[in-house]
PDB file of all heavy atoms in Angstrom:
ATOM      1  N   GLY A   1     -19.408   9.936 -13.402  1.00  0.00           N
ATOM      2  CA  GLY A   1     -19.229   8.524 -13.238  1.00  0.00           C
ATOM      3  C   GLY A   1     -20.398   7.704 -13.835  1.00  0.00           C
ATOM      4  O   GLY A   1     -20.240   6.490 -13.990  1.00  0.00           O
ATOM      5  N   LEU A   2     -21.423   8.361 -14.286  1.00  0.00           N
ATOM      6  CA  LEU A   2     -22.548   7.667 -14.925  1.00  0.00           C
ATOM      7  C   LEU A   2     -22.146   7.405 -16.408  1.00  0.00           C
ATOM      8  O   LEU A   2     -22.851   6.581 -17.082  1.00  0.00           O
ATOM      9  CB  LEU A   2     -23.796   8.485 -14.824  1.00  0.00           C
ATOM     10  CG  LEU A   2     -24.466   8.649 -13.472  1.00  0.00           C
ATOM     11  CD1 LEU A   2     -25.628   9.545 -13.507  1.00  0.00           C
ATOM     12  CD2 LEU A   2     -24.802   7.248 -12.847  1.00  0.00           C
ATOM     13  N   ASP A   3     -21.243   8.127 -16.900  1.00  0.00           N
ATOM     14  CA  ASP A   3     -20.838   7.960 -18.250  1.00  0.00           C
ATOM     15  C   ASP A   3     -19.728   6.883 -18.416  1.00  0.00           C
ATOM     16  O   ASP A   3     -18.841   6.758 -17.570  1.00  0.00           O
ATOM     17  CB  ASP A   3     -20.205   9.281 -18.868  1.00  0.00           C
ATOM     18  CG  ASP A   3     -21.390  10.348 -18.863  1.00  0.00           C
ATOM     19  OD1 ASP A   3     -22.392  10.137 -19.470  1.00  0.00           O
ATOM     20  OD2 ASP A   3     -21.089  11.430 -18.196  1.00  0.00           O
ATOM     21  N   LYS A   4     -19.908   6.093 -19.477  1.00  0.00           N
ATOM     22  CA  LYS A   4     -18.998   4.918 -19.562  1.00  0.00           C
ATOM     23  C   LYS A   4     -17.521   5.251 -19.687  1.00  0.00           C
ATOM     24  O   LYS A   4     -16.771   4.560 -19.094  1.00  0.00           O
ATOM     25  CB  LYS A   4     -19.402   4.071 -20.850  1.00  0.00           C
ATOM     26  CG  LYS A   4     -18.809   2.681 -20.951  1.00  0.00           C
ATOM     27  CD  LYS A   4     -19.334   1.916 -22.105  1.00  0.00           C
ATOM     28  CE  LYS A   4     -18.797   0.470 -22.086  1.00  0.00           C
ATOM     29  NZ  LYS A   4     -17.260   0.466 -22.243  1.00  0.00           N
ATOM     30  N   PRO A   5     -17.191   6.270 -20.342  1.00  0.00           N
ATOM     31  CA  PRO A   5     -15.712   6.585 -20.432  1.00  0.00           C
ATOM     32  C   PRO A   5     -15.081   6.852 -19.014  1.00  0.00           C
ATOM     33  O   PRO A   5     -13.937   6.421 -18.748  1.00  0.00           O
ATOM     34  CB  PRO A   5     -15.649   7.881 -21.269  1.00  0.00           C
ATOM     35  CG  PRO A   5     -16.858   7.722 -22.192  1.00  0.00           C
ATOM     36  CD  PRO A   5     -17.927   7.159 -21.326  1.00  0.00           C
ATOM     37  N   VAL A   6     -15.873   7.546 -18.172  1.00  0.00           N
ATOM     38  CA  VAL A   6     -15.416   7.811 -16.794  1.00  0.00           C
ATOM     39  C   VAL A   6     -15.359   6.507 -16.019  1.00  0.00           C
ATOM     40  O   VAL A   6     -14.323   6.189 -15.360  1.00  0.00           O
ATOM     41  CB  VAL A   6     -16.268   8.812 -16.067  1.00  0.00           C
ATOM     42  CG1 VAL A   6     -15.865   8.963 -14.640  1.00  0.00           C
ATOM     43  CG2 VAL A   6     -16.145  10.232 -16.860  1.00  0.00           C
ATOM     44  N   SER A   7     -16.387   5.721 -16.105  1.00  0.00           N
ATOM     45  CA  SER A   7     -16.430   4.384 -15.380  1.00  0.00           C
ATOM     46  C   SER A   7     -15.296   3.491 -15.772  1.00  0.00           C
ATOM     47  O   SER A   7     -14.635   2.871 -15.009  1.00  0.00           O
ATOM     48  CB  SER A   7     -17.778   3.737 -15.567  1.00  0.00           C
ATOM     49  OG  SER A   7     -17.846   2.518 -14.858  1.00  0.00           O
ATOM     50  N   ASP A   8     -15.092   3.465 -17.092  1.00  0.00           N
ATOM     51  CA  ASP A   8     -13.984   2.660 -17.689  1.00  0.00           C
ATOM     52  C   ASP A   8     -12.642   3.104 -17.093  1.00  0.00           C
ATOM     53  O   ASP A   8     -11.750   2.262 -16.893  1.00  0.00           O
ATOM     54  CB  ASP A   8     -14.038   2.675 -19.194  1.00  0.00           C
ATOM     55  CG  ASP A   8     -15.250   1.840 -19.745  1.00  0.00           C
ATOM     56  OD1 ASP A   8     -15.826   1.111 -18.979  1.00  0.00           O
ATOM     57  OD2 ASP A   8     -15.520   1.939 -21.009  1.00  0.00           O
ATOM     58  N   PHE A   9     -12.447   4.368 -17.051  1.00  0.00           N
ATOM     59  CA  PHE A   9     -11.180   4.928 -16.612  1.00  0.00           C
ATOM     60  C   PHE A   9     -10.990   4.561 -15.071  1.00  0.00           C
ATOM     61  O   PHE A   9      -9.883   4.109 -14.758  1.00  0.00           O
ATOM     62  CB  PHE A   9     -11.169   6.525 -16.723  1.00  0.00           C
ATOM     63  CG  PHE A   9     -10.040   7.197 -16.133  1.00  0.00           C
ATOM     64  CD1 PHE A   9      -8.794   7.279 -16.876  1.00  0.00           C
ATOM     65  CD2 PHE A   9     -10.000   7.690 -14.888  1.00  0.00           C
ATOM     66  CE1 PHE A   9      -7.712   7.891 -16.246  1.00  0.00           C
ATOM     67  CE2 PHE A   9      -8.935   8.341 -14.329  1.00  0.00           C
ATOM     68  CZ  PHE A   9      -7.758   8.366 -14.969  1.00  0.00           C
ATOM     69  N   VAL A  10     -12.014   4.718 -14.347  1.00  0.00           N
ATOM     70  CA  VAL A  10     -11.923   4.441 -12.950  1.00  0.00           C
ATOM     71  C   VAL A  10     -11.528   2.974 -12.713  1.00  0.00           C
ATOM     72  O   VAL A  10     -10.601   2.603 -11.950  1.00  0.00           O
ATOM     73  CB  VAL A  10     -13.227   4.782 -12.127  1.00  0.00           C
ATOM     74  CG1 VAL A  10     -13.169   4.185 -10.707  1.00  0.00           C
ATOM     75  CG2 VAL A  10     -13.491   6.208 -12.116  1.00  0.00           C
ATOM     76  N   PHE A  11     -12.158   2.103 -13.369  1.00  0.00           N
ATOM     77  CA  PHE A  11     -11.998   0.595 -13.191  1.00  0.00           C
ATOM     78  C   PHE A  11     -10.873   0.053 -14.055  1.00  0.00           C
ATOM     79  O   PHE A  11     -10.650  -1.121 -14.070  1.00  0.00           O
ATOM     80  CB  PHE A  11     -13.331  -0.134 -13.359  1.00  0.00           C
ATOM     81  CG  PHE A  11     -14.294   0.059 -12.260  1.00  0.00           C
ATOM     82  CD1 PHE A  11     -15.326   0.985 -12.373  1.00  0.00           C
ATOM     83  CD2 PHE A  11     -14.076  -0.608 -11.033  1.00  0.00           C
ATOM     84  CE1 PHE A  11     -16.203   1.146 -11.313  1.00  0.00           C
ATOM     85  CE2 PHE A  11     -14.979  -0.408  -9.959  1.00  0.00           C
ATOM     86  CZ  PHE A  11     -15.982   0.528 -10.057  1.00  0.00           C
ATOM     87  N   SER A  12     -10.254   0.939 -14.817  1.00  0.00           N
ATOM     88  CA  SER A  12      -9.035   0.487 -15.504  1.00  0.00           C
ATOM     89  C   SER A  12      -7.796   0.312 -14.590  1.00  0.00           C
ATOM     90  O   SER A  12      -6.849  -0.327 -14.939  1.00  0.00           O
ATOM     91  CB  SER A  12      -8.710   1.440 -16.642  1.00  0.00           C
ATOM     92  OG  SER A  12      -8.238   2.718 -16.109  1.00  0.00           O
ATOM     93  N   HIS A  13      -8.015   0.853 -13.388  1.00  0.00           N
ATOM     94  CA  HIS A  13      -6.891   0.757 -12.400  1.00  0.00           C
ATOM     95  C   HIS A  13      -7.150  -0.470 -11.483  1.00  0.00           C
ATOM     96  O   HIS A  13      -8.272  -0.670 -10.993  1.00  0.00           O
ATOM     97  CB  HIS A  13      -6.908   2.027 -11.515  1.00  0.00           C
ATOM     98  CG  HIS A  13      -6.560   3.242 -12.375  1.00  0.00           C
ATOM     99  ND1 HIS A  13      -7.503   3.963 -13.040  1.00  0.00           N
ATOM    100  CD2 HIS A  13      -5.401   3.795 -12.622  1.00  0.00           C
ATOM    101  CE1 HIS A  13      -6.934   4.932 -13.661  1.00  0.00           C
ATOM    102  NE2 HIS A  13      -5.670   4.892 -13.469  1.00  0.00           N
ATOM    103  N   ALA A  14      -6.174  -1.334 -11.414  1.00  0.00           N
ATOM    104  CA  ALA A  14      -6.362  -2.523 -10.678  1.00  0.00           C
ATOM    105  C   ALA A  14      -6.817  -2.376  -9.271  1.00  0.00           C
ATOM    106  O   ALA A  14      -7.563  -3.178  -8.702  1.00  0.00           O
ATOM    107  CB  ALA A  14      -5.044  -3.387 -10.697  1.00  0.00           C
ATOM    108  N   SER A  15      -6.429  -1.281  -8.644  1.00  0.00           N
ATOM    109  CA  SER A  15      -6.821  -1.080  -7.167  1.00  0.00           C
ATOM    110  C   SER A  15      -8.307  -0.860  -7.020  1.00  0.00           C
ATOM    111  O   SER A  15      -8.872  -1.212  -6.009  1.00  0.00           O
ATOM    112  CB  SER A  15      -6.131   0.133  -6.611  1.00  0.00           C
ATOM    113  OG  SER A  15      -6.350   1.306  -7.469  1.00  0.00           O
ATOM    114  N   ALA A  16      -9.000  -0.407  -8.125  1.00  0.00           N
ATOM    115  CA  ALA A  16     -10.458  -0.225  -7.998  1.00  0.00           C
ATOM    116  C   ALA A  16     -11.131  -1.643  -7.981  1.00  0.00           C
ATOM    117  O   ALA A  16     -12.013  -1.884  -7.120  1.00  0.00           O
ATOM    118  CB  ALA A  16     -10.976   0.575  -9.232  1.00  0.00           C
ATOM    119  N   GLY A  17     -10.759  -2.497  -8.823  1.00  0.00           N
ATOM    120  CA  GLY A  17     -11.252  -3.853  -8.769  1.00  0.00           C
ATOM    121  C   GLY A  17     -10.937  -4.610  -7.518  1.00  0.00           C
ATOM    122  O   GLY A  17     -11.775  -5.341  -6.983  1.00  0.00           O
ATOM    123  N   GLU A  18      -9.755  -4.402  -7.027  1.00  0.00           N
ATOM    124  CA  GLU A  18      -9.278  -5.098  -5.780  1.00  0.00           C
ATOM    125  C   GLU A  18     -10.188  -4.558  -4.652  1.00  0.00           C
ATOM    126  O   GLU A  18     -10.569  -5.363  -3.752  1.00  0.00           O
ATOM    127  CB  GLU A  18      -7.869  -4.814  -5.568  1.00  0.00           C
ATOM    128  CG  GLU A  18      -7.296  -5.616  -4.362  1.00  0.00           C
ATOM    129  CD  GLU A  18      -5.795  -5.417  -4.224  1.00  0.00           C
ATOM    130  OE1 GLU A  18      -5.134  -4.816  -5.062  1.00  0.00           O
ATOM    131  OE2 GLU A  18      -5.225  -5.891  -3.178  1.00  0.00           O
ATOM    132  N   PHE A  19     -10.440  -3.279  -4.596  1.00  0.00           N
ATOM    133  CA  PHE A  19     -11.217  -2.642  -3.537  1.00  0.00           C
ATOM    134  C   PHE A  19     -12.655  -3.220  -3.613  1.00  0.00           C
ATOM    135  O   PHE A  19     -13.189  -3.636  -2.550  1.00  0.00           O
ATOM    136  CB  PHE A  19     -11.358  -1.154  -3.735  1.00  0.00           C
ATOM    137  CG  PHE A  19     -12.352  -0.493  -2.905  1.00  0.00           C
ATOM    138  CD1 PHE A  19     -12.121  -0.182  -1.544  1.00  0.00           C
ATOM    139  CD2 PHE A  19     -13.630  -0.150  -3.385  1.00  0.00           C
ATOM    140  CE1 PHE A  19     -13.133   0.371  -0.780  1.00  0.00           C
ATOM    141  CE2 PHE A  19     -14.621   0.422  -2.657  1.00  0.00           C
ATOM    142  CZ  PHE A  19     -14.356   0.644  -1.291  1.00  0.00           C
ATOM    143  N   MET A  20     -13.230  -3.362  -4.751  1.00  0.00           N
ATOM    144  CA  MET A  20     -14.542  -3.912  -4.874  1.00  0.00           C
ATOM    145  C   MET A  20     -14.610  -5.386  -4.434  1.00  0.00           C
ATOM    146  O   MET A  20     -15.571  -5.761  -3.735  1.00  0.00           O
ATOM    147  CB  MET A  20     -15.065  -3.852  -6.370  1.00  0.00           C
ATOM    148  CG  MET A  20     -15.309  -2.389  -6.873  1.00  0.00           C
ATOM    149  SD  MET A  20     -16.544  -1.508  -5.958  1.00  0.00           S
ATOM    150  CE  MET A  20     -18.009  -2.512  -6.265  1.00  0.00           C
ATOM    151  N   GLY A  21     -13.595  -6.134  -4.661  1.00  0.00           N
ATOM    152  CA  GLY A  21     -13.495  -7.530  -4.129  1.00  0.00           C
ATOM    153  C   GLY A  21     -13.531  -7.553  -2.579  1.00  0.00           C
ATOM    154  O   GLY A  21     -14.199  -8.317  -1.994  1.00  0.00           O
ATOM    155  N   HIS A  22     -12.671  -6.720  -2.008  1.00  0.00           N
ATOM    156  CA  HIS A  22     -12.654  -6.606  -0.530  1.00  0.00           C
ATOM    157  C   HIS A  22     -13.996  -6.122   0.076  1.00  0.00           C
ATOM    158  O   HIS A  22     -14.516  -6.691   1.017  1.00  0.00           O
ATOM    159  CB  HIS A  22     -11.617  -5.633  -0.033  1.00  0.00           C
ATOM    160  CG  HIS A  22     -10.236  -6.155  -0.273  1.00  0.00           C
ATOM    161  ND1 HIS A  22      -9.768  -7.337   0.149  1.00  0.00           N
ATOM    162  CD2 HIS A  22      -9.115  -5.552  -0.863  1.00  0.00           C
ATOM    163  CE1 HIS A  22      -8.441  -7.510  -0.209  1.00  0.00           C
ATOM    164  NE2 HIS A  22      -8.001  -6.429  -0.814  1.00  0.00           N
ATOM    165  N   LEU A  23     -14.592  -5.175  -0.632  1.00  0.00           N
ATOM    166  CA  LEU A  23     -15.891  -4.628  -0.159  1.00  0.00           C
ATOM    167  C   LEU A  23     -16.997  -5.601  -0.314  1.00  0.00           C
ATOM    168  O   LEU A  23     -17.867  -5.819   0.570  1.00  0.00           O
ATOM    169  CB  LEU A  23     -16.205  -3.385  -0.990  1.00  0.00           C
ATOM    170  CG  LEU A  23     -17.459  -2.501  -0.484  1.00  0.00           C
ATOM    171  CD1 LEU A  23     -17.248  -2.117   0.975  1.00  0.00           C
ATOM    172  CD2 LEU A  23     -17.605  -1.282  -1.302  1.00  0.00           C
ATOM    173  N   GLU A  24     -16.983  -6.370  -1.370  1.00  0.00           N
ATOM    174  CA  GLU A  24     -18.042  -7.455  -1.520  1.00  0.00           C
ATOM    175  C   GLU A  24     -17.943  -8.452  -0.416  1.00  0.00           C
ATOM    176  O   GLU A  24     -18.980  -8.873   0.153  1.00  0.00           O
ATOM    177  CB  GLU A  24     -17.853  -8.161  -2.879  1.00  0.00           C
ATOM    178  CG  GLU A  24     -18.890  -9.209  -3.090  1.00  0.00           C
ATOM    179  CD  GLU A  24     -18.764  -9.896  -4.480  1.00  0.00           C
ATOM    180  OE1 GLU A  24     -17.768  -9.640  -5.179  1.00  0.00           O
ATOM    181  OE2 GLU A  24     -19.640 -10.680  -4.854  1.00  0.00           O
ATOM    182  N   ARG A  25     -16.770  -8.910  -0.105  1.00  0.00           N
ATOM    183  CA  ARG A  25     -16.581  -9.928   0.961  1.00  0.00           C
ATOM    184  C   ARG A  25     -17.011  -9.346   2.304  1.00  0.00           C
ATOM    185  O   ARG A  25     -17.705 -10.054   3.109  1.00  0.00           O
ATOM    186  CB  ARG A  25     -15.132 -10.419   1.034  1.00  0.00           C
ATOM    187  CG  ARG A  25     -14.711 -11.307  -0.207  1.00  0.00           C
ATOM    188  CD  ARG A  25     -13.353 -11.912   0.036  1.00  0.00           C
ATOM    189  NE  ARG A  25     -12.348 -10.924  -0.116  1.00  0.00           N
ATOM    190  CZ  ARG A  25     -11.814 -10.522  -1.219  1.00  0.00           C
ATOM    191  NH1 ARG A  25     -12.203 -11.057  -2.418  1.00  0.00           N
ATOM    192  NH2 ARG A  25     -10.844  -9.567  -1.262  1.00  0.00           N
ATOM    193  N   MET A  26     -16.730  -8.065   2.576  1.00  0.00           N
ATOM    194  CA  MET A  26     -17.057  -7.519   3.843  1.00  0.00           C
ATOM    195  C   MET A  26     -18.618  -7.363   3.992  1.00  0.00           C
ATOM    196  O   MET A  26     -19.158  -7.654   4.969  1.00  0.00           O
ATOM    197  CB  MET A  26     -16.463  -6.068   4.020  1.00  0.00           C
ATOM    198  CG  MET A  26     -16.706  -5.418   5.331  1.00  0.00           C
ATOM    199  SD  MET A  26     -16.011  -3.836   5.537  1.00  0.00           S
ATOM    200  CE  MET A  26     -17.155  -2.878   4.576  1.00  0.00           C
ATOM    201  N   LEU A  27     -19.284  -6.901   2.879  1.00  0.00           N
ATOM    202  CA  LEU A  27     -20.752  -6.696   2.974  1.00  0.00           C
ATOM    203  C   LEU A  27     -21.453  -8.025   2.946  1.00  0.00           C
ATOM    204  O   LEU A  27     -22.503  -8.219   3.557  1.00  0.00           O
ATOM    205  CB  LEU A  27     -21.161  -5.860   1.750  1.00  0.00           C
ATOM    206  CG  LEU A  27     -20.762  -4.340   1.798  1.00  0.00           C
ATOM    207  CD1 LEU A  27     -21.182  -3.664   0.495  1.00  0.00           C
ATOM    208  CD2 LEU A  27     -21.211  -3.641   3.073  1.00  0.00           C
ATOM    209  N   THR A  28     -20.859  -9.060   2.289  1.00  0.00           N
ATOM    210  CA  THR A  28     -21.536 -10.404   2.402  1.00  0.00           C
ATOM    211  C   THR A  28     -21.507 -10.863   3.824  1.00  0.00           C
ATOM    212  O   THR A  28     -22.405 -11.571   4.285  1.00  0.00           O
ATOM    213  CB  THR A  28     -20.713 -11.356   1.495  1.00  0.00           C
ATOM    214  OG1 THR A  28     -20.776 -10.937   0.093  1.00  0.00           O
ATOM    215  CG2 THR A  28     -21.259 -12.754   1.544  1.00  0.00           C
ATOM    216  N   PHE A  29     -20.475 -10.522   4.575  1.00  0.00           N
ATOM    217  CA  PHE A  29     -20.424 -10.836   5.989  1.00  0.00           C
ATOM    218  C   PHE A  29     -21.365  -9.980   6.874  1.00  0.00           C
ATOM    219  O   PHE A  29     -22.057 -10.425   7.738  1.00  0.00           O
ATOM    220  CB  PHE A  29     -18.931 -10.732   6.496  1.00  0.00           C
ATOM    221  CG  PHE A  29     -18.794 -10.839   7.953  1.00  0.00           C
ATOM    222  CD1 PHE A  29     -18.853 -12.087   8.576  1.00  0.00           C
ATOM    223  CD2 PHE A  29     -18.564  -9.756   8.718  1.00  0.00           C
ATOM    224  CE1 PHE A  29     -18.716 -12.151   9.958  1.00  0.00           C
ATOM    225  CE2 PHE A  29     -18.374  -9.798  10.070  1.00  0.00           C
ATOM    226  CZ  PHE A  29     -18.417 -11.043  10.758  1.00  0.00           C
ATOM    227  N   LEU A  30     -21.316  -8.650   6.576  1.00  0.00           N
ATOM    228  CA  LEU A  30     -22.017  -7.682   7.462  1.00  0.00           C
ATOM    229  C   LEU A  30     -23.475  -7.664   7.282  1.00  0.00           C
ATOM    230  O   LEU A  30     -24.197  -7.520   8.302  1.00  0.00           O
ATOM    231  CB  LEU A  30     -21.419  -6.304   7.207  1.00  0.00           C
ATOM    232  CG  LEU A  30     -20.121  -5.981   7.824  1.00  0.00           C
ATOM    233  CD1 LEU A  30     -19.700  -4.492   7.477  1.00  0.00           C
ATOM    234  CD2 LEU A  30     -20.178  -6.041   9.412  1.00  0.00           C
ATOM    235  N   LEU A  31     -24.004  -7.658   6.150  1.00  0.00           N
ATOM    236  CA  LEU A  31     -25.349  -7.309   5.861  1.00  0.00           C
ATOM    237  C   LEU A  31     -26.281  -8.317   6.578  1.00  0.00           C
ATOM    238  O   LEU A  31     -27.329  -7.923   7.188  1.00  0.00           O
ATOM    239  CB  LEU A  31     -25.783  -7.322   4.343  1.00  0.00           C
ATOM    240  CG  LEU A  31     -24.999  -6.172   3.534  1.00  0.00           C
ATOM    241  CD1 LEU A  31     -25.502  -6.109   2.163  1.00  0.00           C
ATOM    242  CD2 LEU A  31     -25.199  -4.833   4.287  1.00  0.00           C
ATOM    243  N   PRO A  32     -26.112  -9.642   6.548  1.00  0.00           N
ATOM    244  CA  PRO A  32     -26.963 -10.561   7.253  1.00  0.00           C
ATOM    245  C   PRO A  32     -26.907 -10.296   8.795  1.00  0.00           C
ATOM    246  O   PRO A  32     -27.849 -10.519   9.562  1.00  0.00           O
ATOM    247  CB  PRO A  32     -26.325 -11.931   7.033  1.00  0.00           C
ATOM    248  CG  PRO A  32     -25.713 -11.815   5.642  1.00  0.00           C
ATOM    249  CD  PRO A  32     -25.121 -10.353   5.726  1.00  0.00           C
ATOM    250  N   LEU A  33     -25.708  -9.814   9.282  1.00  0.00           N
ATOM    251  CA  LEU A  33     -25.594  -9.539  10.777  1.00  0.00           C
ATOM    252  C   LEU A  33     -26.388  -8.290  11.082  1.00  0.00           C
ATOM    253  O   LEU A  33     -27.044  -8.262  12.203  1.00  0.00           O
ATOM    254  CB  LEU A  33     -24.105  -9.249  11.166  1.00  0.00           C
ATOM    255  CG  LEU A  33     -23.245 -10.492  10.967  1.00  0.00           C
ATOM    256  CD1 LEU A  33     -21.874 -10.091  11.368  1.00  0.00           C
ATOM    257  CD2 LEU A  33     -23.763 -11.718  11.843  1.00  0.00           C
ATOM    258  N   TYR A  34     -26.462  -7.326  10.239  1.00  0.00           N
ATOM    259  CA  TYR A  34     -27.283  -6.111  10.451  1.00  0.00           C
ATOM    260  C   TYR A  34     -28.828  -6.521  10.508  1.00  0.00           C
ATOM    261  O   TYR A  34     -29.580  -6.095  11.393  1.00  0.00           O
ATOM    262  CB  TYR A  34     -27.121  -5.058   9.296  1.00  0.00           C
ATOM    263  CG  TYR A  34     -25.887  -4.232   9.416  1.00  0.00           C
ATOM    264  CD1 TYR A  34     -25.043  -4.136   8.331  1.00  0.00           C
ATOM    265  CD2 TYR A  34     -25.587  -3.566  10.555  1.00  0.00           C
ATOM    266  CE1 TYR A  34     -23.926  -3.347   8.410  1.00  0.00           C
ATOM    267  CE2 TYR A  34     -24.415  -2.791  10.706  1.00  0.00           C
ATOM    268  CZ  TYR A  34     -23.588  -2.684   9.592  1.00  0.00           C
ATOM    269  OH  TYR A  34     -22.472  -1.912   9.714  1.00  0.00           O
ATOM    270  N   ILE A  35     -29.205  -7.465   9.698  1.00  0.00           N
ATOM    271  CA  ILE A  35     -30.543  -7.968   9.652  1.00  0.00           C
ATOM    272  C   ILE A  35     -30.888  -8.608  10.990  1.00  0.00           C
ATOM    273  O   ILE A  35     -31.935  -8.481  11.575  1.00  0.00           O
ATOM    274  CB  ILE A  35     -30.852  -8.887   8.442  1.00  0.00           C
ATOM    275  CG1 ILE A  35     -30.791  -8.118   7.164  1.00  0.00           C
ATOM    276  CG2 ILE A  35     -32.207  -9.561   8.606  1.00  0.00           C
ATOM    277  CD1 ILE A  35     -30.824  -8.940   5.870  1.00  0.00           C
TER     278      ILE A  35
END
């Protein structure tokens, strides 16, 4: 996954980008609460 062809393949699928969007929102909420 450190190689660009593999990373491009993984994120060529819409579900990967959608997952990252959900994860970003969750961590934006959680990390300050952990602190």
